[in-house]
């Protein structure tokens, strides 16, 4: 789950922690708090609320690019932009078990990231046309498969991923999906249903309809 509190209405900041709690109880493993317009103080308070919401579950809270905020809020990791600091440098200042992910947009970026070391997983995109990035060309499932084949790191697909396209992502060999809209709309029951459907898509053996 990638967050965007603005999609939750005028009280999105208050609703976000509840939505995160629902998501992790439904089976979401990672929540990337990606509220890039927030300054350090407000972001810290929001991340801390999300950490509290995930407490007692297997869900892990990651902060978009702000290692300082992640550490101060007791989050479980950080997700780095493609052009951000090297993960190997971050690894030197974070505690054991701290998760570090990175966004990549090509096979070459994925390979360089793996060679640098320190990264636990990659997010590759944009795979399908996405309303979050209008006008950006979609790479497609074939490009996703090429990135998966180029690295031993787990790769998550982002960009236009829906319940309907999750099976295509799974067939490409990705370890999972990352999305904003999939988790931002509908009721709590809708969210549980969507997560269950995605999990089923990844648990279904290849070739089984």
N, C-alpha and C. Protein backbone atom coordinates (compact mmCIF):
# COMPACT_ATOMS: atom_id res chain seq x y z
N UNK A 1 0.84 -1.19 0.00
CA UNK A 1 0.00 0.00 0.00
C UNK A 1 0.88 1.24 0.00
N UNK A 2 0.64 2.16 -0.97
CA UNK A 2 1.29 3.45 -0.99
C UNK A 2 0.23 4.48 -0.64
N UNK A 3 0.53 5.33 0.32
CA UNK A 3 -0.50 6.24 0.82
C UNK A 3 -0.61 7.53 0.01
N UNK A 4 -1.80 8.08 0.03
CA UNK A 4 -2.08 9.42 -0.49
C UNK A 4 -3.30 9.93 0.27
N UNK A 5 -3.06 10.61 1.37
CA UNK A 5 -4.15 11.01 2.26
C UNK A 5 -5.15 11.92 1.57
N UNK A 6 -4.72 12.63 0.51
CA UNK A 6 -5.61 13.56 -0.19
C UNK A 6 -6.76 12.84 -0.89
N UNK A 7 -6.59 11.57 -1.16
CA UNK A 7 -7.66 10.79 -1.80
C UNK A 7 -8.74 10.38 -0.80
N UNK A 8 -8.49 10.61 0.47
CA UNK A 8 -9.43 10.18 1.51
C UNK A 8 -10.34 11.30 1.97
N UNK A 9 -10.29 12.45 1.30
CA UNK A 9 -11.17 13.55 1.65
C UNK A 9 -10.49 14.60 2.51
N UNK A 10 -11.27 15.58 2.96
CA UNK A 10 -10.73 16.71 3.72
C UNK A 10 -10.14 16.28 5.06
N UNK A 11 -10.60 15.16 5.60
CA UNK A 11 -10.07 14.64 6.86
C UNK A 11 -9.14 13.46 6.59
N UNK A 12 -8.46 13.51 5.44
CA UNK A 12 -7.63 12.37 5.02
C UNK A 12 -6.55 11.99 6.00
N UNK A 13 -5.96 12.99 6.66
CA UNK A 13 -4.88 12.69 7.61
C UNK A 13 -5.42 11.87 8.77
N UNK A 14 -6.61 12.21 9.24
CA UNK A 14 -7.21 11.46 10.35
C UNK A 14 -7.63 10.06 9.90
N UNK A 15 -8.13 9.95 8.68
CA UNK A 15 -8.63 8.67 8.17
C UNK A 15 -7.50 7.72 7.77
N UNK A 16 -6.33 8.30 7.48
CA UNK A 16 -5.27 7.46 6.92
C UNK A 16 -4.82 6.36 7.88
N UNK A 17 -4.64 6.71 9.14
CA UNK A 17 -4.19 5.70 10.10
C UNK A 17 -5.19 4.55 10.18
N UNK A 18 -6.48 4.87 10.18
CA UNK A 18 -7.49 3.82 10.20
C UNK A 18 -7.44 2.96 8.96
N UNK A 19 -7.21 3.59 7.80
CA UNK A 19 -7.11 2.85 6.56
C UNK A 19 -5.89 1.93 6.56
N UNK A 20 -4.80 2.42 7.10
CA UNK A 20 -3.59 1.60 7.22
C UNK A 20 -3.85 0.40 8.12
N UNK A 21 -4.53 0.63 9.25
CA UNK A 21 -4.85 -0.48 10.14
C UNK A 21 -5.70 -1.53 9.46
N UNK A 22 -6.69 -1.09 8.69
CA UNK A 22 -7.53 -2.03 7.94
C UNK A 22 -6.71 -2.81 6.94
N UNK A 23 -5.81 -2.12 6.24
CA UNK A 23 -5.00 -2.77 5.19
C UNK A 23 -4.10 -3.86 5.76
N UNK A 24 -3.41 -3.56 6.86
CA UNK A 24 -2.49 -4.56 7.40
C UNK A 24 -3.24 -5.74 8.00
N UNK A 25 -4.42 -5.48 8.57
CA UNK A 25 -5.21 -6.60 9.09
C UNK A 25 -5.78 -7.45 7.96
N UNK A 26 -5.95 -6.84 6.78
CA UNK A 26 -6.44 -7.58 5.62
C UNK A 26 -5.35 -8.44 5.00
N UNK A 27 -4.08 -8.15 5.32
CA UNK A 27 -2.99 -8.95 4.77
C UNK A 27 -1.93 -8.18 4.01
N UNK A 28 -2.02 -6.84 3.99
CA UNK A 28 -0.98 -6.04 3.34
C UNK A 28 0.30 -6.11 4.17
N UNK A 29 1.40 -6.41 3.50
CA UNK A 29 2.67 -6.59 4.22
C UNK A 29 3.42 -5.29 4.45
N UNK A 30 3.39 -4.40 3.46
CA UNK A 30 4.17 -3.16 3.53
C UNK A 30 3.26 -1.96 3.25
N UNK A 31 3.45 -0.90 4.02
CA UNK A 31 2.76 0.36 3.78
C UNK A 31 3.80 1.44 3.62
N UNK A 32 3.86 2.05 2.44
CA UNK A 32 4.79 3.14 2.18
C UNK A 32 4.07 4.47 2.39
N UNK A 33 4.45 5.20 3.42
CA UNK A 33 3.86 6.51 3.69
C UNK A 33 4.53 7.51 2.75
N UNK A 34 3.78 7.91 1.74
CA UNK A 34 4.34 8.74 0.66
C UNK A 34 3.58 10.08 0.60
N UNK A 35 3.78 10.86 1.63
CA UNK A 35 3.11 12.16 1.74
C UNK A 35 4.17 13.24 1.54
N UNK A 36 4.56 13.44 0.29
CA UNK A 36 5.74 14.24 -0.03
C UNK A 36 5.57 15.73 0.24
N UNK A 37 4.34 16.19 0.41
CA UNK A 37 4.12 17.61 0.66
C UNK A 37 4.22 17.98 2.13
N UNK A 38 4.33 16.99 3.00
CA UNK A 38 4.37 17.27 4.44
C UNK A 38 5.80 17.56 4.90
N UNK A 39 5.94 18.59 5.74
CA UNK A 39 7.23 18.87 6.37
C UNK A 39 7.53 17.83 7.45
N UNK A 40 8.73 17.89 7.98
CA UNK A 40 9.20 16.87 8.90
C UNK A 40 8.30 16.61 10.10
N UNK A 41 7.87 17.68 10.79
CA UNK A 41 7.06 17.51 11.99
C UNK A 41 5.72 16.85 11.73
N UNK A 42 4.91 17.39 10.81
CA UNK A 42 3.63 16.75 10.50
C UNK A 42 3.80 15.33 9.95
N UNK A 43 4.83 15.12 9.15
CA UNK A 43 5.06 13.78 8.61
C UNK A 43 5.42 12.80 9.73
N UNK A 44 6.24 13.25 10.65
CA UNK A 44 6.62 12.41 11.79
C UNK A 44 5.38 11.98 12.58
N UNK A 45 4.49 12.93 12.86
CA UNK A 45 3.28 12.59 13.62
C UNK A 45 2.40 11.61 12.86
N UNK A 46 2.29 11.81 11.54
CA UNK A 46 1.45 10.91 10.74
C UNK A 46 2.05 9.50 10.68
N UNK A 47 3.36 9.42 10.49
CA UNK A 47 4.01 8.10 10.44
C UNK A 47 3.87 7.38 11.77
N UNK A 48 4.02 8.11 12.86
CA UNK A 48 3.88 7.50 14.19
C UNK A 48 2.48 6.91 14.37
N UNK A 49 1.46 7.61 13.86
CA UNK A 49 0.09 7.08 13.95
C UNK A 49 -0.05 5.82 13.11
N UNK A 50 0.60 5.78 11.97
CA UNK A 50 0.53 4.58 11.12
C UNK A 50 1.27 3.42 11.78
N UNK A 51 2.39 3.70 12.43
CA UNK A 51 3.12 2.65 13.16
C UNK A 51 2.23 2.07 14.25
N UNK A 52 1.54 2.94 14.98
CA UNK A 52 0.63 2.47 16.02
C UNK A 52 -0.50 1.62 15.43
N UNK A 53 -1.00 2.04 14.26
CA UNK A 53 -2.10 1.31 13.63
C UNK A 53 -1.69 -0.09 13.20
N UNK A 54 -0.40 -0.27 12.89
CA UNK A 54 0.08 -1.57 12.43
C UNK A 54 0.59 -2.45 13.57
N UNK A 55 0.64 -1.90 14.76
CA UNK A 55 1.20 -2.65 15.88
C UNK A 55 0.41 -3.93 16.13
N UNK A 56 1.12 -5.02 16.37
CA UNK A 56 0.47 -6.31 16.62
C UNK A 56 0.13 -7.08 15.35
N UNK A 57 0.48 -6.55 14.20
CA UNK A 57 0.25 -7.24 12.93
C UNK A 57 1.59 -7.51 12.26
N UNK A 58 1.53 -8.19 11.11
CA UNK A 58 2.74 -8.45 10.35
C UNK A 58 3.07 -7.29 9.42
N UNK A 59 2.22 -6.27 9.38
CA UNK A 59 2.43 -5.13 8.50
C UNK A 59 3.62 -4.29 8.92
N UNK A 60 4.34 -3.77 7.95
CA UNK A 60 5.52 -2.96 8.20
C UNK A 60 5.34 -1.59 7.56
N UNK A 61 5.68 -0.55 8.30
CA UNK A 61 5.51 0.82 7.83
C UNK A 61 6.85 1.35 7.32
N UNK A 62 6.83 1.86 6.08
CA UNK A 62 8.00 2.44 5.46
C UNK A 62 7.72 3.92 5.17
N UNK A 63 8.75 4.74 5.20
CA UNK A 63 8.60 6.16 4.93
C UNK A 63 9.28 6.48 3.60
N UNK A 64 8.62 7.26 2.79
CA UNK A 64 9.18 7.62 1.49
C UNK A 64 10.38 8.55 1.66
N UNK A 65 11.57 8.02 1.45
CA UNK A 65 12.83 8.76 1.31
C UNK A 65 13.35 9.45 2.57
N UNK A 66 12.53 9.60 3.61
CA UNK A 66 12.96 10.34 4.80
C UNK A 66 13.46 9.36 5.87
N UNK A 67 14.75 9.06 5.81
CA UNK A 67 15.33 8.13 6.78
C UNK A 67 15.21 8.70 8.19
N UNK A 68 15.41 10.01 8.33
CA UNK A 68 15.34 10.63 9.65
C UNK A 68 13.97 10.47 10.28
N UNK A 69 12.93 10.69 9.49
CA UNK A 69 11.56 10.56 9.99
C UNK A 69 11.26 9.09 10.32
N UNK A 70 11.70 8.20 9.47
CA UNK A 70 11.45 6.77 9.72
C UNK A 70 12.06 6.34 11.05
N UNK A 71 13.28 6.75 11.31
CA UNK A 71 13.95 6.37 12.56
C UNK A 71 13.28 7.02 13.76
N UNK A 72 12.93 8.30 13.63
CA UNK A 72 12.33 9.02 14.75
C UNK A 72 10.96 8.48 15.10
N UNK A 73 10.21 8.02 14.09
CA UNK A 73 8.85 7.53 14.32
C UNK A 73 8.80 6.06 14.68
N UNK A 74 9.93 5.39 14.65
CA UNK A 74 9.94 3.95 14.94
C UNK A 74 9.38 3.12 13.81
N UNK A 75 9.47 3.66 12.59
CA UNK A 75 8.99 2.90 11.42
C UNK A 75 9.93 1.74 11.13
N UNK A 76 9.48 0.86 10.25
CA UNK A 76 10.22 -0.37 9.99
C UNK A 76 11.18 -0.27 8.82
N UNK A 77 11.14 0.87 8.10
CA UNK A 77 12.04 1.00 6.97
C UNK A 77 11.81 2.27 6.19
N UNK A 78 12.50 2.37 5.05
CA UNK A 78 12.42 3.54 4.19
C UNK A 78 12.37 3.08 2.74
N UNK A 79 11.63 3.82 1.92
CA UNK A 79 11.63 3.54 0.48
C UNK A 79 12.29 4.71 -0.23
N UNK A 80 13.37 4.43 -0.96
CA UNK A 80 14.18 5.45 -1.61
C UNK A 80 13.73 5.68 -3.05
N UNK A 81 13.76 6.94 -3.47
CA UNK A 81 13.52 7.26 -4.87
C UNK A 81 14.66 6.70 -5.73
N UNK A 82 14.42 6.62 -7.03
CA UNK A 82 15.45 6.10 -7.94
C UNK A 82 16.71 6.96 -7.89
N UNK A 83 16.56 8.27 -7.67
CA UNK A 83 17.70 9.18 -7.67
C UNK A 83 18.15 9.57 -6.27
N UNK A 84 17.76 8.82 -5.28
CA UNK A 84 18.09 9.15 -3.90
C UNK A 84 19.46 8.60 -3.51
N UNK A 85 19.81 8.80 -2.25
CA UNK A 85 21.08 8.34 -1.71
C UNK A 85 21.22 6.82 -1.84
N UNK A 86 22.44 6.34 -1.95
CA UNK A 86 22.69 4.90 -2.09
C UNK A 86 22.22 4.15 -0.85
N UNK A 87 21.59 3.01 -1.06
CA UNK A 87 21.10 2.21 0.06
C UNK A 87 22.24 1.74 0.96
N UNK A 88 23.40 1.50 0.38
CA UNK A 88 24.54 1.04 1.17
C UNK A 88 24.94 2.08 2.22
N UNK A 89 24.76 3.37 1.91
CA UNK A 89 25.07 4.42 2.88
C UNK A 89 24.00 4.48 3.96
N UNK A 90 22.76 4.29 3.58
CA UNK A 90 21.68 4.26 4.57
C UNK A 90 21.87 3.09 5.52
N UNK A 91 22.28 1.95 4.98
CA UNK A 91 22.42 0.74 5.79
C UNK A 91 23.37 0.95 6.96
N UNK A 92 24.34 1.84 6.80
CA UNK A 92 25.34 2.05 7.85
C UNK A 92 24.78 2.73 9.08
N UNK A 93 23.64 3.42 8.93
CA UNK A 93 23.14 4.23 10.05
C UNK A 93 21.80 3.74 10.61
N UNK A 94 21.30 2.64 10.08
CA UNK A 94 20.01 2.14 10.55
C UNK A 94 20.19 0.84 11.33
N UNK A 95 19.23 0.50 12.19
CA UNK A 95 19.38 -0.70 13.01
C UNK A 95 19.18 -1.98 12.21
N UNK A 96 19.61 -3.12 12.75
CA UNK A 96 19.39 -4.40 12.08
C UNK A 96 17.90 -4.65 11.84
N UNK A 97 17.59 -5.21 10.69
CA UNK A 97 16.20 -5.51 10.36
C UNK A 97 15.45 -4.38 9.71
N UNK A 98 16.07 -3.21 9.62
CA UNK A 98 15.46 -2.04 8.98
C UNK A 98 15.36 -2.31 7.48
N UNK A 99 14.16 -2.15 6.92
CA UNK A 99 13.96 -2.44 5.50
C UNK A 99 14.31 -1.24 4.63
N UNK A 100 14.98 -1.52 3.51
CA UNK A 100 15.32 -0.47 2.55
C UNK A 100 14.89 -0.93 1.16
N UNK A 101 13.99 -0.15 0.55
CA UNK A 101 13.57 -0.43 -0.81
C UNK A 101 13.96 0.71 -1.72
N UNK A 102 13.87 0.47 -3.03
CA UNK A 102 14.19 1.53 -3.99
C UNK A 102 13.30 1.40 -5.22
N UNK A 103 12.91 2.54 -5.76
CA UNK A 103 12.20 2.57 -7.04
C UNK A 103 13.20 2.49 -8.18
N UNK A 104 12.89 1.68 -9.19
CA UNK A 104 13.71 1.60 -10.40
C UNK A 104 12.79 1.66 -11.61
N UNK A 105 13.36 2.07 -12.74
CA UNK A 105 12.56 2.23 -13.95
C UNK A 105 13.16 1.52 -15.15
N UNK A 106 14.20 0.71 -14.91
CA UNK A 106 14.83 0.00 -16.02
C UNK A 106 15.64 -1.17 -15.50
N UNK A 107 16.02 -2.05 -16.41
CA UNK A 107 16.89 -3.18 -16.04
C UNK A 107 18.22 -2.67 -15.52
N UNK A 108 18.78 -1.66 -16.18
CA UNK A 108 20.10 -1.16 -15.77
C UNK A 108 20.06 -0.58 -14.36
N UNK A 109 18.99 0.14 -14.03
CA UNK A 109 18.87 0.67 -12.67
C UNK A 109 18.74 -0.46 -11.65
N UNK A 110 17.99 -1.48 -11.98
CA UNK A 110 17.82 -2.62 -11.07
C UNK A 110 19.16 -3.30 -10.82
N UNK A 111 19.95 -3.47 -11.89
CA UNK A 111 21.24 -4.14 -11.75
C UNK A 111 22.21 -3.29 -10.94
N UNK A 112 22.23 -1.99 -11.16
CA UNK A 112 23.12 -1.12 -10.39
C UNK A 112 22.75 -1.12 -8.91
N UNK A 113 21.45 -1.12 -8.65
CA UNK A 113 21.00 -1.14 -7.25
C UNK A 113 21.44 -2.42 -6.56
N UNK A 114 21.30 -3.55 -7.24
CA UNK A 114 21.71 -4.83 -6.66
C UNK A 114 23.21 -4.86 -6.41
N UNK A 115 23.98 -4.30 -7.34
CA UNK A 115 25.44 -4.29 -7.19
C UNK A 115 25.87 -3.40 -6.03
N UNK A 116 25.15 -2.31 -5.81
CA UNK A 116 25.48 -1.39 -4.72
C UNK A 116 25.30 -2.06 -3.36
N UNK A 117 24.30 -2.93 -3.24
CA UNK A 117 24.04 -3.62 -1.98
C UNK A 117 23.21 -2.78 -1.03
N UNK A 118 22.73 -3.43 0.02
CA UNK A 118 21.98 -2.73 1.06
C UNK A 118 20.49 -2.66 0.85
N UNK A 119 20.01 -3.05 -0.35
CA UNK A 119 18.59 -2.94 -0.66
C UNK A 119 17.88 -4.27 -0.44
N UNK A 120 16.67 -4.21 0.12
CA UNK A 120 15.91 -5.42 0.40
C UNK A 120 14.92 -5.77 -0.71
N UNK A 121 14.41 -4.76 -1.41
CA UNK A 121 13.43 -5.01 -2.47
C UNK A 121 13.42 -3.83 -3.43
N UNK A 122 12.84 -4.04 -4.62
CA UNK A 122 12.69 -3.00 -5.62
C UNK A 122 11.22 -2.80 -5.96
N UNK A 123 10.87 -1.59 -6.34
CA UNK A 123 9.57 -1.33 -6.95
C UNK A 123 9.83 -0.84 -8.37
N UNK A 124 9.26 -1.54 -9.35
CA UNK A 124 9.45 -1.19 -10.76
C UNK A 124 8.15 -0.67 -11.35
N UNK A 125 8.26 0.40 -12.12
CA UNK A 125 7.08 0.94 -12.81
C UNK A 125 7.48 2.11 -13.69
N UNK A 126 6.54 2.64 -14.39
CA UNK A 126 5.12 2.37 -14.31
C UNK A 126 4.77 1.20 -15.23
N UNK A 127 4.12 0.14 -14.71
CA UNK A 127 3.89 -1.06 -15.50
C UNK A 127 2.69 -0.90 -16.42
N UNK A 128 1.57 -0.43 -15.88
CA UNK A 128 0.35 -0.22 -16.67
C UNK A 128 -0.03 1.27 -16.62
N UNK A 129 -0.85 1.74 -17.55
CA UNK A 129 -1.27 3.14 -17.50
C UNK A 129 -1.86 3.49 -16.13
N UNK A 130 -1.45 4.64 -15.60
CA UNK A 130 -1.83 4.99 -14.23
C UNK A 130 -2.38 6.40 -14.16
N UNK A 131 -3.47 6.56 -13.41
CA UNK A 131 -4.02 7.90 -13.19
C UNK A 131 -3.11 8.73 -12.29
N UNK A 132 -2.24 8.08 -11.52
CA UNK A 132 -1.32 8.80 -10.65
C UNK A 132 -0.22 9.50 -11.45
N UNK A 133 0.07 8.96 -12.64
CA UNK A 133 1.11 9.54 -13.49
C UNK A 133 0.59 9.64 -14.92
N UNK A 134 -0.38 10.53 -15.13
CA UNK A 134 -0.97 10.66 -16.45
C UNK A 134 0.05 11.08 -17.49
N UNK A 135 -0.06 10.46 -18.68
CA UNK A 135 0.84 10.80 -19.76
C UNK A 135 2.15 10.04 -19.76
N UNK A 136 2.45 9.34 -18.67
CA UNK A 136 3.69 8.57 -18.62
C UNK A 136 3.48 7.22 -19.30
N UNK A 137 4.39 6.88 -20.20
CA UNK A 137 4.26 5.62 -20.95
C UNK A 137 4.38 4.43 -20.00
N UNK A 138 3.53 3.43 -20.24
CA UNK A 138 3.56 2.22 -19.44
C UNK A 138 4.62 1.26 -19.98
N UNK A 139 5.39 0.67 -19.07
CA UNK A 139 6.46 -0.24 -19.49
C UNK A 139 5.93 -1.59 -19.95
N UNK A 140 4.84 -2.05 -19.30
CA UNK A 140 4.25 -3.33 -19.67
C UNK A 140 4.80 -4.50 -18.87
N UNK A 141 4.07 -5.60 -18.93
CA UNK A 141 4.43 -6.80 -18.15
C UNK A 141 5.72 -7.44 -18.65
N UNK A 142 6.01 -7.31 -19.95
CA UNK A 142 7.25 -7.89 -20.49
C UNK A 142 8.47 -7.21 -19.89
N UNK A 143 8.44 -5.88 -19.81
CA UNK A 143 9.54 -5.15 -19.19
C UNK A 143 9.68 -5.51 -17.71
N UNK A 144 8.55 -5.70 -17.05
CA UNK A 144 8.58 -6.13 -15.64
C UNK A 144 9.30 -7.47 -15.53
N UNK A 145 8.98 -8.41 -16.40
CA UNK A 145 9.61 -9.73 -16.37
C UNK A 145 11.12 -9.61 -16.61
N UNK A 146 11.54 -8.69 -17.45
CA UNK A 146 12.96 -8.51 -17.71
C UNK A 146 13.69 -7.99 -16.47
N UNK A 147 13.06 -7.08 -15.75
CA UNK A 147 13.65 -6.58 -14.52
C UNK A 147 13.73 -7.69 -13.47
N UNK A 148 12.67 -8.47 -13.35
CA UNK A 148 12.66 -9.59 -12.40
C UNK A 148 13.81 -10.55 -12.70
N UNK A 149 14.03 -10.83 -13.99
CA UNK A 149 15.07 -11.78 -14.39
C UNK A 149 16.48 -11.24 -14.19
N UNK A 150 16.59 -9.90 -14.08
CA UNK A 150 17.91 -9.27 -14.02
C UNK A 150 18.46 -9.16 -12.60
N UNK A 151 17.66 -9.49 -11.59
CA UNK A 151 18.10 -9.33 -10.21
C UNK A 151 17.54 -10.43 -9.33
N UNK A 152 18.23 -10.70 -8.26
CA UNK A 152 17.73 -11.67 -7.27
C UNK A 152 16.89 -10.98 -6.20
N UNK A 153 16.84 -9.65 -6.22
CA UNK A 153 16.02 -8.92 -5.25
C UNK A 153 14.54 -9.08 -5.58
N UNK A 154 13.67 -9.16 -4.57
CA UNK A 154 12.23 -9.17 -4.84
C UNK A 154 11.81 -7.89 -5.55
N UNK A 155 10.96 -8.03 -6.56
CA UNK A 155 10.50 -6.87 -7.34
C UNK A 155 8.99 -6.76 -7.19
N UNK A 156 8.53 -5.56 -6.83
CA UNK A 156 7.10 -5.27 -6.78
C UNK A 156 6.75 -4.40 -7.97
N UNK A 157 5.59 -4.62 -8.55
CA UNK A 157 5.13 -3.83 -9.70
C UNK A 157 4.26 -2.69 -9.23
N UNK A 158 4.45 -1.51 -9.82
CA UNK A 158 3.64 -0.35 -9.49
C UNK A 158 3.17 0.32 -10.78
N UNK A 159 2.04 1.00 -10.69
CA UNK A 159 1.52 1.74 -11.83
C UNK A 159 0.36 1.04 -12.49
N UNK A 160 -0.86 1.50 -12.20
CA UNK A 160 -2.03 0.93 -12.83
C UNK A 160 -2.36 -0.49 -12.43
N UNK A 161 -1.81 -0.93 -11.31
CA UNK A 161 -2.07 -2.31 -10.88
C UNK A 161 -3.44 -2.38 -10.22
N UNK A 162 -4.24 -3.33 -10.67
CA UNK A 162 -5.59 -3.54 -10.15
C UNK A 162 -5.75 -5.02 -9.81
N UNK A 163 -6.89 -5.35 -9.24
CA UNK A 163 -7.19 -6.77 -9.01
C UNK A 163 -7.13 -7.54 -10.33
N UNK A 164 -7.61 -6.91 -11.41
CA UNK A 164 -7.65 -7.58 -12.71
C UNK A 164 -6.26 -7.82 -13.29
N UNK A 165 -5.31 -6.91 -13.03
CA UNK A 165 -3.97 -7.05 -13.61
C UNK A 165 -2.98 -7.74 -12.67
N UNK A 166 -3.38 -8.03 -11.45
CA UNK A 166 -2.47 -8.67 -10.49
C UNK A 166 -1.97 -10.01 -11.01
N UNK A 167 -2.82 -10.76 -11.71
CA UNK A 167 -2.39 -12.05 -12.25
C UNK A 167 -1.30 -11.89 -13.29
N UNK A 168 -1.37 -10.82 -14.11
CA UNK A 168 -0.32 -10.55 -15.09
C UNK A 168 1.01 -10.25 -14.39
N UNK A 169 0.92 -9.52 -13.29
CA UNK A 169 2.12 -9.21 -12.50
C UNK A 169 2.72 -10.50 -11.93
N UNK A 170 1.87 -11.36 -11.40
CA UNK A 170 2.36 -12.62 -10.84
C UNK A 170 3.01 -13.49 -11.91
N UNK A 171 2.41 -13.54 -13.10
CA UNK A 171 2.97 -14.35 -14.19
C UNK A 171 4.33 -13.82 -14.66
N UNK A 172 4.55 -12.51 -14.47
CA UNK A 172 5.83 -11.92 -14.85
C UNK A 172 6.94 -12.27 -13.85
N UNK A 173 6.57 -12.90 -12.75
CA UNK A 173 7.56 -13.33 -11.77
C UNK A 173 7.79 -12.35 -10.64
N UNK A 174 7.01 -11.28 -10.58
CA UNK A 174 7.17 -10.30 -9.51
C UNK A 174 6.78 -10.91 -8.17
N UNK A 175 7.34 -10.31 -7.11
CA UNK A 175 7.05 -10.80 -5.77
C UNK A 175 5.75 -10.25 -5.22
N UNK A 176 5.25 -9.17 -5.83
CA UNK A 176 4.02 -8.57 -5.33
C UNK A 176 3.69 -7.30 -6.09
N UNK A 177 2.75 -6.56 -5.56
CA UNK A 177 2.30 -5.32 -6.20
C UNK A 177 2.41 -4.16 -5.22
N UNK A 178 2.47 -2.95 -5.78
CA UNK A 178 2.38 -1.73 -4.99
C UNK A 178 1.37 -0.83 -5.68
N UNK A 179 0.53 -0.16 -4.91
CA UNK A 179 -0.52 0.64 -5.53
C UNK A 179 -1.01 1.70 -4.56
N UNK A 180 -1.59 2.75 -5.15
CA UNK A 180 -2.25 3.80 -4.37
C UNK A 180 -3.77 3.62 -4.45
N UNK A 181 -4.30 3.71 -5.65
CA UNK A 181 -5.76 3.72 -5.84
C UNK A 181 -6.42 2.45 -5.34
N UNK A 182 -5.77 1.33 -5.51
CA UNK A 182 -6.35 0.04 -5.11
C UNK A 182 -6.72 0.04 -3.63
N UNK A 183 -5.97 0.77 -2.82
CA UNK A 183 -6.17 0.77 -1.37
C UNK A 183 -6.87 2.03 -0.86
N UNK A 184 -7.10 2.99 -1.75
CA UNK A 184 -7.62 4.29 -1.30
C UNK A 184 -9.12 4.42 -1.40
N UNK A 185 -9.77 3.58 -2.20
CA UNK A 185 -11.19 3.76 -2.47
C UNK A 185 -12.03 2.61 -1.91
N UNK A 186 -13.30 2.90 -1.67
CA UNK A 186 -14.21 1.88 -1.22
C UNK A 186 -14.25 1.73 0.29
N UNK A 187 -15.10 0.84 0.73
CA UNK A 187 -15.27 0.59 2.17
C UNK A 187 -14.18 -0.34 2.68
N UNK A 188 -14.17 -0.55 4.00
CA UNK A 188 -13.22 -1.50 4.59
C UNK A 188 -13.45 -2.90 4.02
N UNK A 189 -14.71 -3.27 3.82
CA UNK A 189 -15.01 -4.58 3.24
C UNK A 189 -14.45 -4.68 1.82
N UNK A 190 -14.56 -3.59 1.06
CA UNK A 190 -14.01 -3.57 -0.29
C UNK A 190 -12.50 -3.78 -0.25
N UNK A 191 -11.85 -3.16 0.72
CA UNK A 191 -10.40 -3.29 0.84
C UNK A 191 -10.02 -4.73 1.16
N UNK A 192 -10.72 -5.35 2.10
CA UNK A 192 -10.46 -6.76 2.42
C UNK A 192 -10.64 -7.64 1.19
N UNK A 193 -11.68 -7.39 0.42
CA UNK A 193 -11.96 -8.19 -0.78
C UNK A 193 -10.85 -8.02 -1.81
N UNK A 194 -10.40 -6.78 -2.01
CA UNK A 194 -9.34 -6.53 -2.99
C UNK A 194 -8.03 -7.20 -2.59
N UNK A 195 -7.67 -7.09 -1.32
CA UNK A 195 -6.43 -7.71 -0.86
C UNK A 195 -6.50 -9.22 -1.01
N UNK A 196 -7.63 -9.81 -0.65
CA UNK A 196 -7.80 -11.26 -0.78
C UNK A 196 -7.66 -11.69 -2.23
N UNK A 197 -8.20 -10.90 -3.16
CA UNK A 197 -8.12 -11.25 -4.57
C UNK A 197 -6.69 -11.17 -5.09
N UNK A 198 -5.94 -10.18 -4.64
CA UNK A 198 -4.55 -10.07 -5.05
C UNK A 198 -3.73 -11.23 -4.50
N UNK A 199 -3.95 -11.57 -3.25
CA UNK A 199 -3.24 -12.71 -2.66
C UNK A 199 -3.54 -13.99 -3.43
N UNK A 200 -4.79 -14.18 -3.80
CA UNK A 200 -5.18 -15.35 -4.59
C UNK A 200 -4.46 -15.38 -5.92
N UNK A 201 -4.32 -14.21 -6.56
CA UNK A 201 -3.63 -14.15 -7.85
C UNK A 201 -2.19 -14.61 -7.74
N UNK A 202 -1.53 -14.31 -6.63
CA UNK A 202 -0.14 -14.72 -6.45
C UNK A 202 -0.02 -16.15 -5.93
N UNK A 203 -1.05 -16.64 -5.29
CA UNK A 203 -1.00 -18.01 -4.76
C UNK A 203 -1.45 -19.05 -5.78
N UNK A 204 -2.06 -18.59 -6.90
CA UNK A 204 -2.56 -19.53 -7.90
C UNK A 204 -1.43 -20.00 -8.80
N UNK A 205 -1.22 -21.31 -8.94
CA UNK A 205 -0.14 -21.81 -9.80
C UNK A 205 -0.31 -21.33 -11.23
N UNK A 206 0.81 -21.13 -11.91
CA UNK A 206 0.79 -20.67 -13.29
C UNK A 206 -0.01 -21.62 -14.17
N UNK A 207 -0.84 -21.06 -15.02
CA UNK A 207 -1.63 -21.87 -15.94
C UNK A 207 -2.98 -22.25 -15.42
N UNK A 208 -3.24 -21.97 -14.13
CA UNK A 208 -4.55 -22.30 -13.56
C UNK A 208 -5.43 -21.06 -13.69
N UNK A 209 -6.60 -21.14 -14.29
CA UNK A 209 -7.45 -19.95 -14.49
C UNK A 209 -7.97 -19.42 -13.15
